[in-house]
Amino acid sequence: MDEFIDNILNQLCAEELKCVKNIFVENDANYLQRIKEIDPLQQATNTNLVQGIAITIHDKNKDSDIVIREELLQTLKESYSIVDDKLKVNKNFLPSFRIILHEVGHAKDFKEREIENIFFEESKGFHFKDYISVYAYKFKSEYFAEKFAVTKILNLINTYNPENYYCEKEQIKLESKRIKNEYYTNRDLRVLSNNVIEFGWQYFLYPMSRKLGAESAQSDILSKKSDFLTTNNKLIEAIMEYGHSNLTNLLFDTFKSKMYEFGFRIECNDEGDAIFIN
């Protein structure tokens, strides 16, 4: 990638990089193509709102390939300089480097942790919790990857102020409005339900998993426990000890609450859940 970046990455992650087969750097034209070459079934983040900038792809031997966009590496290269044998970095260095560390964290997590698989049958009716149960595995993975990344940064510089993981509220409101307008046009409840699930993951559960990971790392290393971490201590306990069912229940409660806040009411029934626009 870059001699300095390679050196610092190897110093921080010598053991973890043993389970990374390749780190590919691709331009926009080749990024998605490279992902499909590695695994034709791999889904990359690629929507009008969100473009994935890096991804970790696992194989059956529990090893991984990492693909990053060229623009990320370029931003990283432009964020540091070495003057008189002293390293100088700007504000873009840590956020960019953290993304690469996060992907290495995914490789480590997949290699070391027993990854459970869950399947459900939709014949019993559409239940939102079934889908949140699947996302609970992703939540765990993102938590461990972000905790790894921030831990490595703290080992490097002994201080780190995590970014604001959540989107601006106005942006969230705009996406909520878009989903509602799409439903008013097609009146398809299944599309509405799937959109709301993805909305809940992208804007609430995913940022929450990363923020929890970052603040857990700070708590472990700096003995700095935030109000956010304290408030969500049950989630941490569920990730670490209480098992998948408890984690799913906690995430589902958060999901329903946030969806109601932004205009989607979910009612749960044995025969199948219902969704209403407030």
Protein backbone atom coordinates (compact mmCIF):
# COMPACT_ATOMS: atom_id res chain seq x y z
CA MET A 1 0.00 0.00 0.00
CA ASP A 2 2.60 2.48 1.23
CA GLU A 3 5.93 1.78 2.96
CA PHE A 4 5.19 3.78 6.11
CA ILE A 5 1.60 2.53 6.37
CA ASP A 6 2.71 -1.06 5.75
CA ASN A 7 5.33 -0.78 8.49
CA ILE A 8 3.02 0.69 11.08
CA LEU A 9 0.28 -1.80 10.22
CA ASN A 10 2.73 -4.71 10.60
CA GLN A 11 4.01 -3.34 13.90
CA LEU A 12 0.49 -3.04 15.32
CA CYS A 13 -1.09 -6.14 13.79
CA ALA A 14 1.66 -8.67 13.10
CA GLU A 15 -0.32 -11.61 14.47
CA GLU A 16 -3.70 -10.56 13.13
CA LEU A 17 -2.37 -10.05 9.59
CA LYS A 18 -1.50 -13.75 9.45
CA CYS A 19 -5.17 -14.47 8.72
CA VAL A 20 -5.32 -11.82 5.96
CA LYS A 21 -4.35 -13.30 2.60
CA ASN A 22 -4.39 -10.08 0.57
CA ILE A 23 -5.14 -6.38 0.90
CA PHE A 24 -6.34 -5.14 -2.48
CA VAL A 25 -6.44 -1.42 -3.30
CA GLU A 26 -8.88 -0.69 -6.12
CA ASN A 27 -10.18 2.39 -7.89
CA ASP A 28 -13.90 3.05 -8.19
CA ALA A 29 -14.16 1.21 -11.50
CA ASN A 30 -12.62 -2.00 -10.13
CA TYR A 31 -13.74 -2.02 -6.49
CA LEU A 32 -16.99 -3.96 -6.95
CA GLN A 33 -15.43 -6.15 -9.64
CA ARG A 34 -12.62 -7.24 -7.31
CA ILE A 35 -15.15 -8.12 -4.59
CA LYS A 36 -17.11 -10.31 -7.00
CA GLU A 37 -13.89 -11.99 -8.20
CA ILE A 38 -13.10 -13.02 -4.63
CA ASP A 39 -16.65 -14.12 -3.82
CA PRO A 40 -19.43 -13.84 -6.40
CA LEU A 41 -22.05 -14.01 -3.63
CA GLN A 42 -20.57 -11.24 -1.50
CA GLN A 43 -22.84 -8.21 -1.11
CA ALA A 44 -21.04 -4.87 -0.99
CA THR A 45 -22.54 -1.67 0.36
CA ASN A 46 -23.50 0.22 -2.78
CA THR A 47 -26.59 2.44 -2.62
CA ASN A 48 -27.50 6.01 -3.55
CA LEU A 49 -26.89 7.03 0.06
CA VAL A 50 -23.98 4.83 1.13
CA GLN A 51 -20.92 3.64 -0.78
CA GLY A 52 -18.71 1.07 0.90
CA ILE A 53 -15.09 2.15 1.14
CA ALA A 54 -13.61 -1.09 2.49
CA ILE A 55 -14.75 -4.67 2.99
CA THR A 56 -13.43 -7.92 4.46
CA ILE A 57 -14.33 -11.16 2.68
CA HIS A 58 -13.91 -14.48 4.47
CA ASP A 59 -13.28 -17.94 3.04
CA LYS A 60 -14.14 -21.45 4.24
CA ASN A 61 -10.72 -21.78 5.89
CA LYS A 62 -11.51 -18.75 8.07
CA ASP A 63 -8.93 -16.59 6.29
CA SER A 64 -9.81 -13.24 4.74
CA ASP A 65 -9.18 -10.82 1.89
CA ILE A 66 -9.54 -7.08 2.42
CA VAL A 67 -10.53 -4.74 -0.39
CA ILE A 68 -10.24 -0.97 0.06
CA ARG A 69 -10.96 1.90 -2.27
CA GLU A 70 -7.98 3.76 -3.68
CA GLU A 71 -9.38 7.06 -2.41
CA LEU A 72 -9.06 5.84 1.19
CA LEU A 73 -5.38 5.04 0.73
CA GLN A 74 -4.84 8.37 -1.03
CA THR A 75 -6.46 10.25 1.85
CA LEU A 76 -4.26 8.34 4.26
CA LYS A 77 -1.08 9.11 2.29
CA GLU A 78 -1.95 12.81 2.20
CA SER A 79 -2.64 12.90 5.94
CA TYR A 80 0.93 12.41 7.16
CA SER A 81 4.44 13.63 6.52
CA ILE A 82 7.82 12.86 8.03
CA VAL A 83 9.91 15.95 8.76
CA ASP A 84 13.32 15.65 10.44
CA ASP A 85 12.50 12.03 11.28
CA LYS A 86 9.35 13.15 13.08
CA LEU A 87 5.88 12.05 12.08
CA LYS A 88 3.31 14.77 11.52
CA VAL A 89 -0.32 13.91 10.85
CA ASN A 90 -3.47 15.90 10.16
CA LYS A 91 -7.05 15.27 11.26
CA ASN A 92 -7.66 12.74 8.44
CA PHE A 93 -4.98 10.28 9.52
CA LEU A 94 -6.67 8.47 12.40
CA PRO A 95 -10.16 8.16 10.84
CA SER A 96 -8.64 6.75 7.62
CA PHE A 97 -6.24 4.41 9.39
CA ARG A 98 -9.01 3.27 11.72
CA ILE A 99 -10.99 1.97 8.74
CA ILE A 100 -8.13 -0.32 7.71
CA LEU A 101 -7.66 -1.48 11.30
CA HIS A 102 -11.41 -2.12 11.50
CA GLU A 103 -11.21 -4.46 8.51
CA VAL A 104 -8.25 -6.32 10.04
CA GLY A 105 -10.43 -6.59 13.14
CA HIS A 106 -13.10 -8.33 11.09
CA ALA A 107 -10.52 -10.84 9.87
CA LYS A 108 -9.33 -11.50 13.44
CA ASP A 109 -12.88 -11.81 14.76
CA PHE A 110 -13.89 -14.28 12.05
CA LYS A 111 -10.74 -16.35 12.57
CA GLU A 112 -11.00 -16.59 16.35
CA ARG A 113 -14.70 -16.48 17.21
CA GLU A 114 -17.17 -19.26 16.53
CA ILE A 115 -19.58 -17.62 14.10
CA GLU A 116 -23.11 -18.91 14.54
CA ASN A 117 -25.45 -19.25 11.59
CA ILE A 118 -29.18 -18.67 11.85
CA PHE A 119 -31.93 -19.53 9.44
CA PHE A 120 -35.64 -18.89 9.63
CA GLU A 121 -38.67 -19.91 7.65
CA GLU A 122 -40.93 -17.16 6.42
CA SER A 123 -43.81 -19.62 6.04
CA LYS A 124 -44.76 -18.90 9.66
CA GLY A 125 -45.35 -15.26 8.77
CA PHE A 126 -43.25 -12.12 8.54
CA HIS A 127 -41.61 -11.33 11.91
CA PHE A 128 -39.29 -8.37 12.28
CA LYS A 129 -37.42 -10.05 15.14
CA ASP A 130 -36.31 -12.85 12.78
CA TYR A 131 -34.47 -10.28 10.70
CA ILE A 132 -33.07 -8.44 13.71
CA SER A 133 -31.81 -11.83 14.93
CA VAL A 134 -29.72 -12.10 11.76
CA TYR A 135 -28.49 -8.52 12.20
CA ALA A 136 -27.50 -9.36 15.78
CA TYR A 137 -24.62 -11.43 14.37
CA LYS A 138 -23.53 -8.47 12.27
CA PHE A 139 -23.85 -6.25 15.35
CA LYS A 140 -21.43 -8.49 17.25
CA SER A 141 -18.98 -8.52 14.36
CA GLU A 142 -19.01 -4.72 14.02
CA TYR A 143 -18.60 -4.32 17.79
CA PHE A 144 -15.51 -6.54 17.91
CA ALA A 145 -13.98 -4.99 14.76
CA GLU A 146 -14.37 -1.45 16.05
CA LYS A 147 -13.11 -2.37 19.52
CA PHE A 148 -10.03 -3.90 17.88
CA ALA A 149 -9.42 -0.80 15.72
CA VAL A 150 -9.70 1.69 18.57
CA THR A 151 -7.63 -0.52 20.88
CA LYS A 152 -4.81 -0.51 18.31
CA ILE A 153 -5.03 3.27 17.93
CA LEU A 154 -4.90 3.71 21.70
CA ASN A 155 -1.86 1.43 21.79
CA LEU A 156 -0.29 3.71 19.19
CA ILE A 157 -1.06 7.16 20.60
CA ASN A 158 -2.74 6.66 24.02
CA THR A 159 -5.58 9.00 23.15
CA TYR A 160 -8.45 8.97 20.67
CA ASN A 161 -11.71 10.83 20.31
CA PRO A 162 -14.07 8.62 18.27
CA GLU A 163 -15.97 10.22 15.45
CA ASN A 164 -19.67 10.91 15.65
CA TYR A 165 -20.90 7.52 14.51
CA TYR A 166 -24.50 8.64 14.01
CA CYS A 167 -25.83 10.59 11.06
CA GLU A 168 -27.36 14.02 11.51
CA LYS A 169 -30.99 13.82 12.57
CA GLU A 170 -32.13 15.76 9.52
CA GLN A 171 -30.53 13.22 7.20
CA ILE A 172 -32.30 10.41 9.08
CA LYS A 173 -35.61 12.26 8.75
CA LEU A 174 -35.07 12.64 5.00
CA GLU A 175 -34.47 8.90 4.59
CA SER A 176 -37.55 8.14 6.69
CA LYS A 177 -39.60 10.43 4.45
CA ARG A 178 -38.22 8.76 1.32
CA ILE A 179 -39.26 5.31 2.58
CA LYS A 180 -42.77 6.55 3.38
CA ASN A 181 -43.16 8.21 -0.03
CA GLU A 182 -42.04 5.00 -1.75
CA TYR A 183 -44.75 3.11 0.12
CA TYR A 184 -47.41 5.68 -0.77
CA THR A 185 -46.45 5.11 -4.41
CA ASN A 186 -46.35 1.30 -4.55
CA ARG A 187 -48.40 0.27 -1.45
CA ASP A 188 -46.17 -2.78 -1.04
CA LEU A 189 -45.96 -3.74 2.64
CA ARG A 190 -43.13 -6.21 2.07
CA VAL A 191 -40.98 -3.55 0.43
CA LEU A 192 -41.86 -1.15 3.24
CA SER A 193 -40.91 -3.72 5.89
CA ASN A 194 -37.59 -4.54 4.23
CA ASN A 195 -36.78 -0.84 3.81
CA VAL A 196 -37.52 -0.19 7.48
CA ILE A 197 -35.29 -3.09 8.56
CA GLU A 198 -32.39 -1.77 6.47
CA PHE A 199 -33.11 1.77 7.70
CA GLY A 200 -32.97 0.57 11.31
CA TRP A 201 -29.68 -1.23 10.74
CA GLN A 202 -27.96 1.50 8.73
CA TYR A 203 -28.92 4.48 10.88
CA PHE A 204 -29.19 3.04 14.40
CA LEU A 205 -27.95 -0.50 15.04
CA TYR A 206 -24.78 -0.32 12.92
CA PRO A 207 -23.59 3.02 14.35
CA MET A 208 -24.49 1.77 17.84
CA SER A 209 -22.36 -1.37 17.43
CA ARG A 210 -19.33 0.68 16.37
CA LYS A 211 -19.77 3.30 19.08
CA LEU A 212 -20.06 0.58 21.73
CA GLY A 213 -16.89 -1.06 20.43
CA ALA A 214 -14.94 2.22 20.46
CA GLU A 215 -16.05 3.17 23.94
CA SER A 216 -15.44 -0.35 25.28
CA ALA A 217 -11.85 -0.07 24.08
CA GLN A 218 -11.44 3.27 25.82
CA SER A 219 -12.96 1.87 28.99
CA ASP A 220 -10.59 -1.11 28.98
CA ILE A 221 -7.42 0.85 28.26
CA LEU A 222 -8.05 4.31 29.72
CA SER A 223 -10.56 3.36 32.45
CA LYS A 224 -12.84 5.90 30.78
CA LYS A 225 -16.45 4.77 31.03
CA SER A 226 -18.96 7.02 29.28
CA ASP A 227 -22.63 7.55 30.03
CA PHE A 228 -23.41 5.86 26.70
CA LEU A 229 -21.46 2.77 27.69
CA THR A 230 -23.08 2.65 31.12
CA THR A 231 -26.57 3.07 29.68
CA ASN A 232 -25.98 0.20 27.26
CA ASN A 233 -24.15 -2.09 29.66
CA LYS A 234 -26.76 -4.83 29.18
CA LEU A 235 -25.95 -4.87 25.47
CA ILE A 236 -22.27 -5.39 26.23
CA GLU A 237 -23.14 -8.18 28.63
CA ALA A 238 -25.35 -9.80 25.99
CA ILE A 239 -22.56 -9.59 23.41
CA MET A 240 -20.04 -11.12 25.77
CA GLU A 241 -22.04 -13.59 27.85
CA TYR A 242 -25.81 -13.72 27.61
CA GLY A 243 -26.02 -15.25 24.17
CA HIS A 244 -27.76 -14.55 20.92
CA SER A 245 -31.35 -14.60 22.13
CA ASN A 246 -30.81 -11.91 24.76
CA LEU A 247 -28.86 -9.74 22.34
CA THR A 248 -31.63 -10.07 19.76
CA ASN A 249 -34.28 -9.06 22.29
CA LEU A 250 -32.34 -5.98 23.36
CA LEU A 251 -31.64 -4.92 19.77
CA PHE A 252 -35.25 -5.53 18.77
CA ASP A 253 -36.49 -3.26 21.56
CA THR A 254 -34.09 -0.55 20.37
CA PHE A 255 -35.15 -1.09 16.77
CA LYS A 256 -38.88 -0.79 17.53
CA SER A 257 -38.36 2.29 19.66
CA LYS A 258 -36.29 4.10 17.04
CA MET A 259 -38.64 3.15 14.22
CA TYR A 260 -41.58 4.55 16.20
CA GLU A 261 -39.62 7.76 16.80
CA PHE A 262 -39.26 8.21 13.03
CA GLY A 263 -42.80 7.31 12.08
CA PHE A 264 -43.03 3.51 11.77
CA ARG A 265 -45.11 1.55 14.27
CA ILE A 266 -44.57 -2.21 14.50
CA GLU A 267 -47.10 -4.55 16.09
CA CYS A 268 -46.05 -8.14 16.76
CA ASN A 269 -48.40 -11.11 16.41
CA ASP A 270 -47.89 -14.87 16.26
CA GLU A 271 -49.40 -15.02 12.78
CA GLY A 272 -47.17 -12.28 11.45
CA ASP A 273 -46.16 -8.73 12.36
CA ALA A 274 -47.85 -5.59 11.11
CA ILE A 275 -46.31 -2.22 10.27
CA PHE A 276 -48.05 1.14 10.20
CA ILE A 277 -46.94 4.61 9.20
CA ASN A 278 -47.60 7.12 11.96
